[in-house]
Amino acid sequence: MQANGNVIAFTGGGTGGHVIPGVVVARELKNRWGGRIIWVGAGTRFESELVPKEVAEVIKIPSGKLRRYFSFRNVIDIFKIIVGIFVSLFVFMRERPLLLFSKGGYVSVPPVIAAFLLGIPIFTHESDIDPGLATRINSVFAKKIFVSFEETRNFFSGKVKERVVVTGNPVRGELLRGNRDKGREKLGCNPGEKIILFLGGSQGARSINILVGSILGALLSRGYYVVHQTGGKDKLGEGKLWSEDLLSHSRYFQVDFIREDFPDFLAAADLVVSRAGAGAIWEFAALGKPSILIPLPTSGSRGDQVRNAKLLERLKATVVLEEEYISPKMLLETIVELLNNRKKLNNLASNIRSLYREDASKIISREIIEYVEGTNV
């Protein structure tokens, strides 16, 4: 298929961890290259809300989830994947992109297969330490495989390994401009109050919310300010844990999803308690934020968050509490111990900051531009 010379396609989605780094690369590419960018995805709320219209046009395709376990839903989703491939073929034949950049996730597989069938070059990026199923599939077709961690090279072999480039994970530029004082002012914090930021990933985490509800009174009684991203009411857990007195407390801020204020709130936080998605880890690294990570357990995932967290733990860049064994008392004691130990907090901050690669989005966008310009000379 002959490319039209002014379109680059992006794909990826399912969670904010896939969409946000892709948007960062698309924005950087937009600043350096004059053509159009399209985003081929499932049309989830993450894509609709997080892909700016001025950066890329979102084109929706059918998409089925890839599962490593038996489920009757696999039959339906295989059909969706096949339909997604045909719709992607139609989109690419119409748009004739120069290149497809995949940020992974199950949404990306149909467009990647369609691009390969049409002879469109494919670049892909993996955020986690070990590649997910979508990335393993996409890497077979990709000309370049960007990864966040040096250790990720070891998951590839042969000629595929030769196409791996370590870049780090793209981080939003606005995050780097977060202001601690502005964050404290927006929250109405008093001088000397320490801020704890609880995050459950872009979709929220019910188990973390229940833990927060169990220890919230104890945290507030110690004078801490608690910022809590819940992921929505359906992720809040047992209602009896959330008394009106706690919900209306002047040092408790609860929100479904932090949007524009997130850079300032993260900058203001003295400690973050979070899931261990790669996107969150690299954001903490960019700002040098000490953290307690509660990775999504292997019972509910492929174990990527556990491996992400364990790597940081070995590097003494975080404290890891495993969900299967954690108790409210254990979490409370860990938080209090860290906030009372300035030396340990500083060491955690320094060690995670050392992971950050400031130029990830620049490296990837430059590689894309050099490739498409080199193949169209």
Protein backbone atom coordinates (compact mmCIF):
# COMPACT_ATOMS: atom_id res chain seq x y z
CA MET A 1 0.00 0.00 0.00
CA GLN A 2 1.33 3.44 -0.95
CA ALA A 3 1.40 5.87 2.00
CA ASN A 4 0.00 9.34 1.49
CA GLY A 5 2.94 11.07 3.19
CA ASN A 6 1.21 13.04 5.94
CA VAL A 7 -0.45 10.62 8.38
CA ILE A 8 0.97 8.65 11.31
CA ALA A 9 -1.35 6.31 13.19
CA PHE A 10 -1.31 5.52 16.91
CA THR A 11 -3.06 2.68 18.70
CA GLY A 12 -3.34 1.40 22.24
CA GLY A 13 -5.74 1.52 25.13
CA GLY A 14 -7.75 -0.33 27.70
CA THR A 15 -6.36 1.66 30.63
CA GLY A 16 -4.86 5.07 31.26
CA GLY A 17 -1.47 3.36 31.60
CA HIS A 18 -1.57 2.58 27.89
CA VAL A 19 -3.22 5.77 26.68
CA ILE A 20 -1.29 8.45 28.60
CA PRO A 21 2.26 7.54 27.46
CA GLY A 22 0.98 7.23 23.89
CA VAL A 23 -0.54 10.70 24.10
CA VAL A 24 2.79 12.05 25.40
CA VAL A 25 4.57 10.66 22.34
CA ALA A 26 1.83 11.91 20.00
CA ARG A 27 2.05 15.39 21.48
CA GLU A 28 5.85 15.45 21.11
CA LEU A 29 5.53 14.19 17.54
CA LYS A 30 2.94 16.88 16.79
CA ASN A 31 5.40 19.55 17.95
CA ARG A 32 8.17 18.24 15.68
CA TRP A 33 6.30 17.04 12.59
CA GLY A 34 3.73 18.75 10.41
CA GLY A 35 1.46 15.89 9.40
CA ARG A 36 -1.79 14.45 10.77
CA ILE A 37 -2.02 12.00 13.65
CA ILE A 38 -4.89 9.54 14.05
CA TRP A 39 -5.57 7.33 17.08
CA VAL A 40 -7.16 3.96 16.31
CA GLY A 41 -8.72 2.52 19.45
CA ALA A 42 -11.74 1.07 21.19
CA GLY A 43 -13.24 4.46 22.02
CA THR A 44 -13.04 3.93 25.79
CA ARG A 45 -13.45 6.86 28.17
CA PHE A 46 -9.67 6.95 28.59
CA GLU A 47 -9.20 7.56 24.88
CA SER A 48 -12.14 9.97 24.67
CA GLU A 49 -10.98 11.99 27.69
CA LEU A 50 -7.19 11.68 27.43
CA VAL A 51 -6.49 11.99 23.69
CA PRO A 52 -6.71 15.74 22.98
CA LYS A 53 -8.56 16.62 19.78
CA GLU A 54 -5.80 19.02 18.78
CA VAL A 55 -3.26 16.17 18.96
CA ALA A 56 -5.07 13.26 17.29
CA GLU A 57 -8.41 12.25 15.81
CA VAL A 58 -9.80 9.16 17.58
CA ILE A 59 -11.18 6.47 15.25
CA LYS A 60 -13.13 3.72 16.99
CA ILE A 61 -12.82 0.04 16.06
CA PRO A 62 -14.26 -3.16 17.60
CA SER A 63 -11.83 -4.82 19.98
CA GLY A 64 -11.85 -7.99 22.06
CA LYS A 65 -9.81 -8.58 25.19
CA LEU A 66 -6.95 -11.07 25.14
CA ARG A 67 -7.11 -13.52 28.05
CA ARG A 68 -4.56 -16.11 29.12
CA TYR A 69 -7.24 -18.22 30.82
CA PHE A 70 -10.32 -20.12 29.63
CA SER A 71 -13.49 -18.06 29.40
CA PHE A 72 -16.59 -18.30 27.23
CA ARG A 73 -16.13 -14.59 26.58
CA ASN A 74 -13.01 -15.50 24.56
CA VAL A 75 -15.27 -16.86 21.80
CA ILE A 76 -17.10 -13.53 21.49
CA ASP A 77 -13.89 -11.54 21.82
CA ILE A 78 -12.10 -13.54 19.11
CA PHE A 79 -14.94 -12.53 16.78
CA LYS A 80 -14.49 -8.89 17.87
CA ILE A 81 -10.76 -9.10 17.18
CA ILE A 82 -11.39 -10.44 13.67
CA VAL A 83 -13.92 -7.68 12.98
CA GLY A 84 -11.41 -5.18 14.45
CA ILE A 85 -8.79 -6.33 11.96
CA PHE A 86 -11.15 -5.81 9.01
CA VAL A 87 -12.25 -2.38 10.26
CA SER A 88 -8.59 -1.42 10.80
CA LEU A 89 -7.80 -2.54 7.25
CA PHE A 90 -10.53 -0.24 5.96
CA VAL A 91 -9.28 2.68 8.09
CA PHE A 92 -5.67 2.25 6.99
CA MET A 93 -6.58 1.81 3.32
CA ARG A 94 -8.48 5.09 3.57
CA GLU A 95 -5.90 7.02 5.61
CA ARG A 96 -2.73 5.37 4.19
CA PRO A 97 -0.49 6.10 7.21
CA LEU A 98 3.29 6.18 6.96
CA LEU A 99 3.71 4.24 10.22
CA LEU A 100 1.72 2.76 13.11
CA PHE A 101 2.91 3.35 16.68
CA SER A 102 1.41 0.93 19.22
CA LYS A 103 1.33 1.60 22.94
CA GLY A 104 0.08 -1.89 23.67
CA GLY A 105 -2.97 -3.24 25.40
CA TYR A 106 -5.50 -5.60 23.86
CA VAL A 107 -6.91 -2.76 21.74
CA SER A 108 -3.69 -2.56 19.74
CA VAL A 109 -3.59 -6.10 18.29
CA PRO A 110 -6.15 -5.73 15.44
CA PRO A 111 -4.59 -2.49 14.11
CA VAL A 112 -1.09 -4.00 14.32
CA ILE A 113 -2.12 -7.09 12.36
CA ALA A 114 -3.94 -4.93 9.79
CA ALA A 115 -0.91 -2.66 9.41
CA PHE A 116 1.35 -5.67 8.87
CA LEU A 117 -0.95 -7.07 6.18
CA LEU A 118 -0.83 -3.72 4.37
CA GLY A 119 2.93 -3.35 4.67
CA ILE A 120 2.74 -0.39 7.06
CA PRO A 121 5.82 -0.19 9.35
CA ILE A 122 5.05 -0.79 13.05
CA PHE A 123 6.79 0.56 16.16
CA THR A 124 5.63 -0.55 19.62
CA HIS A 125 6.35 0.39 23.24
CA GLU A 126 6.13 -1.65 26.46
CA SER A 127 5.91 0.14 29.82
CA ASP A 128 6.15 -2.83 32.20
CA ILE A 129 9.29 -4.75 33.08
CA ASP A 130 7.91 -7.85 31.32
CA PRO A 131 5.99 -7.59 28.06
CA GLY A 132 2.29 -8.36 28.09
CA LEU A 133 0.56 -10.69 25.67
CA ALA A 134 -0.33 -7.83 23.29
CA THR A 135 3.28 -6.65 23.14
CA ARG A 136 4.53 -10.21 22.58
CA ILE A 137 2.19 -10.49 19.60
CA ASN A 138 2.95 -7.00 18.30
CA SER A 139 6.73 -7.46 18.63
CA VAL A 140 6.64 -10.20 15.99
CA PHE A 141 5.51 -7.60 13.44
CA ALA A 142 7.31 -4.52 14.79
CA LYS A 143 10.43 -3.01 13.26
CA LYS A 144 11.34 -1.40 16.59
CA ILE A 145 10.34 -2.35 20.14
CA PHE A 146 10.78 0.43 22.70
CA VAL A 147 10.96 -0.62 26.36
CA SER A 148 11.10 1.23 29.68
CA PHE A 149 13.48 -1.00 31.62
CA GLU A 150 16.88 -2.38 30.63
CA GLU A 151 15.81 -5.69 32.22
CA THR A 152 13.01 -6.02 29.63
CA ARG A 153 15.55 -6.95 26.92
CA ASN A 154 15.88 -10.36 28.55
CA PHE A 155 12.28 -11.24 27.69
CA PHE A 156 13.07 -11.19 23.96
CA SER A 157 15.40 -13.43 21.99
CA GLY A 158 17.00 -13.83 18.59
CA LYS A 159 16.35 -11.23 15.92
CA VAL A 160 13.47 -9.74 17.92
CA LYS A 161 15.91 -8.76 20.69
CA GLU A 162 18.01 -6.88 18.13
CA ARG A 163 15.07 -4.56 17.51
CA VAL A 164 14.70 -3.56 21.19
CA VAL A 165 15.53 0.04 22.18
CA VAL A 166 15.53 1.13 25.87
CA THR A 167 13.89 4.55 26.20
CA GLY A 168 12.22 4.69 29.60
CA ASN A 169 8.51 5.48 29.81
CA PRO A 170 7.05 8.72 28.39
CA VAL A 171 5.80 11.04 31.16
CA ARG A 172 3.42 13.96 30.73
CA GLY A 173 5.19 17.30 30.46
CA GLU A 174 2.54 18.98 32.62
CA LEU A 175 3.37 16.53 35.40
CA LEU A 176 6.92 17.86 35.49
CA ARG A 177 5.52 21.37 35.93
CA GLY A 178 3.52 20.43 39.03
CA ASN A 179 3.90 22.92 41.88
CA ARG A 180 4.01 21.80 45.52
CA ASP A 181 2.87 25.15 46.90
CA LYS A 182 -0.03 25.38 44.44
CA GLY A 183 -1.09 21.85 45.34
CA ARG A 184 -1.13 22.64 49.05
CA GLU A 185 -3.00 25.87 48.41
CA LYS A 186 -5.67 24.10 46.31
CA LEU A 187 -6.16 21.52 49.06
CA GLY A 188 -6.20 24.12 51.81
CA CYS A 189 -3.39 22.49 53.77
CA ASN A 190 -1.99 24.19 56.84
CA PRO A 191 1.80 24.64 57.20
CA GLY A 192 3.47 21.50 58.50
CA GLU A 193 0.65 19.11 57.54
CA LYS A 194 1.97 16.05 55.71
CA ILE A 195 0.02 14.93 52.65
CA ILE A 196 -0.65 11.28 51.78
CA LEU A 197 -1.91 10.62 48.25
CA PHE A 198 -3.82 7.35 47.72
CA LEU A 199 -4.14 6.11 44.13
CA GLY A 200 -5.68 2.93 42.76
CA GLY A 201 -4.63 3.31 39.14
CA SER A 202 -6.70 4.97 36.43
CA GLN A 203 -9.65 2.65 37.15
CA GLY A 204 -9.46 2.72 40.95
CA ALA A 205 -8.85 -0.17 43.33
CA ARG A 206 -11.62 -1.39 45.63
CA SER A 207 -9.20 -3.17 47.99
CA ILE A 208 -7.10 -0.03 48.48
CA ASN A 209 -10.25 2.02 49.07
CA ILE A 210 -11.35 -0.40 51.80
CA LEU A 211 -7.93 -0.11 53.43
CA VAL A 212 -8.17 3.70 53.31
CA GLY A 213 -11.62 3.58 54.92
CA SER A 214 -10.27 1.34 57.69
CA ILE A 215 -7.39 3.65 58.66
CA LEU A 216 -8.71 7.06 57.63
CA GLY A 217 -9.77 8.06 61.14
CA ALA A 218 -6.36 7.10 62.53
CA LEU A 219 -4.54 9.08 59.82
CA LEU A 220 -6.64 12.19 60.36
CA SER A 221 -6.24 11.99 64.14
CA ARG A 222 -2.46 12.11 63.61
CA GLY A 223 -2.78 15.39 61.69
CA TYR A 224 -2.13 14.03 58.17
CA TYR A 225 -3.92 15.39 55.12
CA VAL A 226 -5.36 12.58 52.96
CA VAL A 227 -5.98 12.92 49.22
CA HIS A 228 -7.88 9.92 47.87
CA GLN A 229 -8.58 9.05 44.22
CA THR A 230 -11.29 6.39 44.45
CA GLY A 231 -12.04 5.43 40.85
CA GLY A 232 -15.78 5.98 41.41
CA LYS A 233 -18.49 4.99 43.89
CA ASP A 234 -18.58 1.37 42.70
CA LYS A 235 -14.95 1.04 43.84
CA LEU A 236 -15.48 2.46 47.34
CA GLY A 237 -16.20 -0.80 49.11
CA GLU A 238 -18.11 -1.10 52.36
CA GLY A 239 -20.20 2.00 53.01
CA LYS A 240 -20.03 1.60 56.79
CA LEU A 241 -16.34 2.54 56.68
CA TRP A 242 -17.17 5.99 55.35
CA SER A 243 -18.89 7.93 58.10
CA GLU A 244 -20.17 11.42 57.38
CA ASP A 245 -17.73 12.83 59.90
CA LEU A 246 -14.79 11.41 57.94
CA LEU A 247 -16.16 12.32 54.52
CA SER A 248 -16.65 15.95 55.56
CA HIS A 249 -13.35 16.24 57.45
CA SER A 250 -11.33 19.32 56.49
CA ARG A 251 -8.18 17.21 55.95
CA TYR A 252 -9.78 14.60 53.69
CA PHE A 253 -10.17 15.18 49.96
CA GLN A 254 -11.96 12.43 47.98
CA VAL A 255 -12.39 12.44 44.20
CA ASP A 256 -13.28 9.84 41.55
CA PHE A 257 -10.41 10.80 39.25
CA ILE A 258 -7.91 13.67 39.58
CA ARG A 259 -7.55 15.47 36.28
CA GLU A 260 -6.10 18.98 35.85
CA ASP A 261 -4.93 19.19 39.48
CA PHE A 262 -2.99 15.91 39.45
CA PRO A 263 0.47 17.45 38.74
CA ASP A 264 0.11 19.86 41.66
CA PHE A 265 -1.36 17.25 44.01
CA LEU A 266 1.43 14.79 43.23
CA ALA A 267 4.06 17.49 43.68
CA ALA A 268 2.53 18.35 47.06
CA ALA A 269 2.39 14.76 48.34
CA ASP A 270 4.89 13.69 50.99
CA LEU A 271 4.05 10.02 50.42
CA VAL A 272 2.09 8.13 47.75
CA VAL A 273 0.25 4.84 48.31
CA SER A 274 -0.53 3.27 44.97
CA ARG A 275 -0.90 0.31 42.67
CA ALA A 276 2.28 -0.59 40.78
CA GLY A 277 1.36 0.10 37.17
CA ALA A 278 4.33 1.17 35.08
CA GLY A 279 2.77 4.54 34.27
CA ALA A 280 2.42 5.43 37.95
CA ILE A 281 5.94 4.20 38.76
CA TRP A 282 7.52 6.38 36.09
CA GLU A 283 5.52 9.40 37.22
CA PHE A 284 6.79 8.89 40.77
CA ALA A 285 10.30 8.53 39.35
CA ALA A 286 9.99 11.78 37.39
CA LEU A 287 9.11 13.71 40.55
CA GLY A 288 11.20 11.64 42.97
CA LYS A 289 8.20 10.65 45.09
CA PRO A 290 8.57 8.14 47.95
CA SER A 291 5.89 5.50 47.73
CA ILE A 292 4.25 2.43 49.20
CA LEU A 293 3.22 0.12 46.36
CA ILE A 294 0.37 -2.38 46.68
CA PRO A 295 0.58 -4.26 43.36
CA LEU A 296 -2.42 -5.87 41.76
CA PRO A 297 -2.05 -9.54 42.80
CA THR A 298 -1.47 -12.39 40.38
CA SER A 299 -4.96 -13.70 41.14
CA GLY A 300 -6.38 -10.71 39.25
CA SER A 301 -3.66 -10.05 36.67
CA ARG A 302 -0.75 -11.51 34.76
CA GLY A 303 1.56 -10.44 37.60
CA ASP A 304 3.19 -7.48 35.86
CA GLN A 305 2.55 -5.11 38.76
CA VAL A 306 4.10 -7.55 41.21
CA ARG A 307 7.25 -7.78 39.10
CA ASN A 308 7.36 -3.99 38.63
CA ALA A 309 7.12 -3.50 42.39
CA LYS A 310 9.68 -6.18 43.24
CA LEU A 311 12.22 -4.60 40.90
CA LEU A 312 11.83 -1.24 42.63
CA GLU A 313 12.01 -2.94 46.01
CA ARG A 314 15.34 -4.55 45.05
CA LEU A 315 16.58 -1.10 44.05
CA LYS A 316 15.40 0.27 47.44
CA ALA A 317 13.20 2.71 45.54
CA THR A 318 9.87 1.87 47.22
CA VAL A 319 8.21 -0.11 49.99
CA VAL A 320 6.07 -3.03 48.78
CA LEU A 321 3.08 -4.44 50.66
CA GLU A 322 1.43 -7.44 49.00
CA GLU A 323 -2.36 -7.34 48.92
CA GLU A 324 -2.75 -10.97 50.00
CA TYR A 325 -0.98 -10.32 53.30
CA ILE A 326 -1.64 -6.66 54.05
CA SER A 327 -3.86 -5.55 56.94
CA PRO A 328 -5.09 -2.06 57.86
CA LYS A 329 -2.80 -2.13 60.91
CA MET A 330 0.23 -3.02 58.76
CA LEU A 331 -0.50 -0.23 56.26
CA LEU A 332 -1.05 2.34 59.02
CA GLU A 333 2.18 1.39 60.80
CA THR A 334 4.17 1.53 57.54
CA ILE A 335 2.81 4.98 56.66
CA VAL A 336 3.51 6.41 60.11
CA GLU A 337 6.99 4.88 60.22
CA LEU A 338 7.95 6.36 56.84
CA LEU A 339 6.53 9.82 57.53
CA ASN A 340 8.46 9.91 60.82
CA ASN A 341 11.72 8.88 59.12
CA ARG A 342 12.92 11.71 56.92
CA LYS A 343 16.16 9.93 56.03
CA LYS A 344 14.35 6.87 54.67
CA LEU A 345 11.87 9.03 52.74
CA ASN A 346 14.75 10.91 51.15
CA ASN A 347 16.52 7.67 50.22
CA LEU A 348 13.37 6.28 48.59
CA ALA A 349 12.91 9.54 46.68
CA SER A 350 16.52 9.61 45.49
CA ASN A 351 16.55 5.96 44.42
CA ILE A 352 13.34 6.13 42.40
CA ARG A 353 14.38 9.45 40.84
CA SER A 354 17.53 7.77 39.50
CA LEU A 355 15.37 5.55 37.25
CA TYR A 356 13.88 8.44 35.30
CA ARG A 357 14.85 9.02 31.66
CA GLU A 358 13.80 12.54 30.79
CA ASP A 359 13.94 12.13 27.02
CA ALA A 360 11.75 9.04 26.43
CA SER A 361 9.10 10.80 24.32
CA LYS A 362 11.78 12.72 22.43
CA ILE A 363 13.71 9.54 21.61
CA ILE A 364 10.60 7.75 20.35
CA SER A 365 9.29 10.68 18.30
CA ARG A 366 12.74 11.24 16.78
CA GLU A 367 12.96 7.56 15.82
CA ILE A 368 9.53 7.75 14.20
CA ILE A 369 10.37 10.90 12.22
CA GLU A 370 13.77 9.60 11.10
CA TYR A 371 12.21 6.37 9.91
CA VAL A 372 9.32 7.87 7.94
CA GLU A 373 11.50 10.56 6.39
CA GLY A 374 14.19 8.04 5.57
CA THR A 375 11.73 5.70 3.87
CA ASN A 376 10.19 8.50 1.81
CA VAL A 377 13.32 10.13 0.41
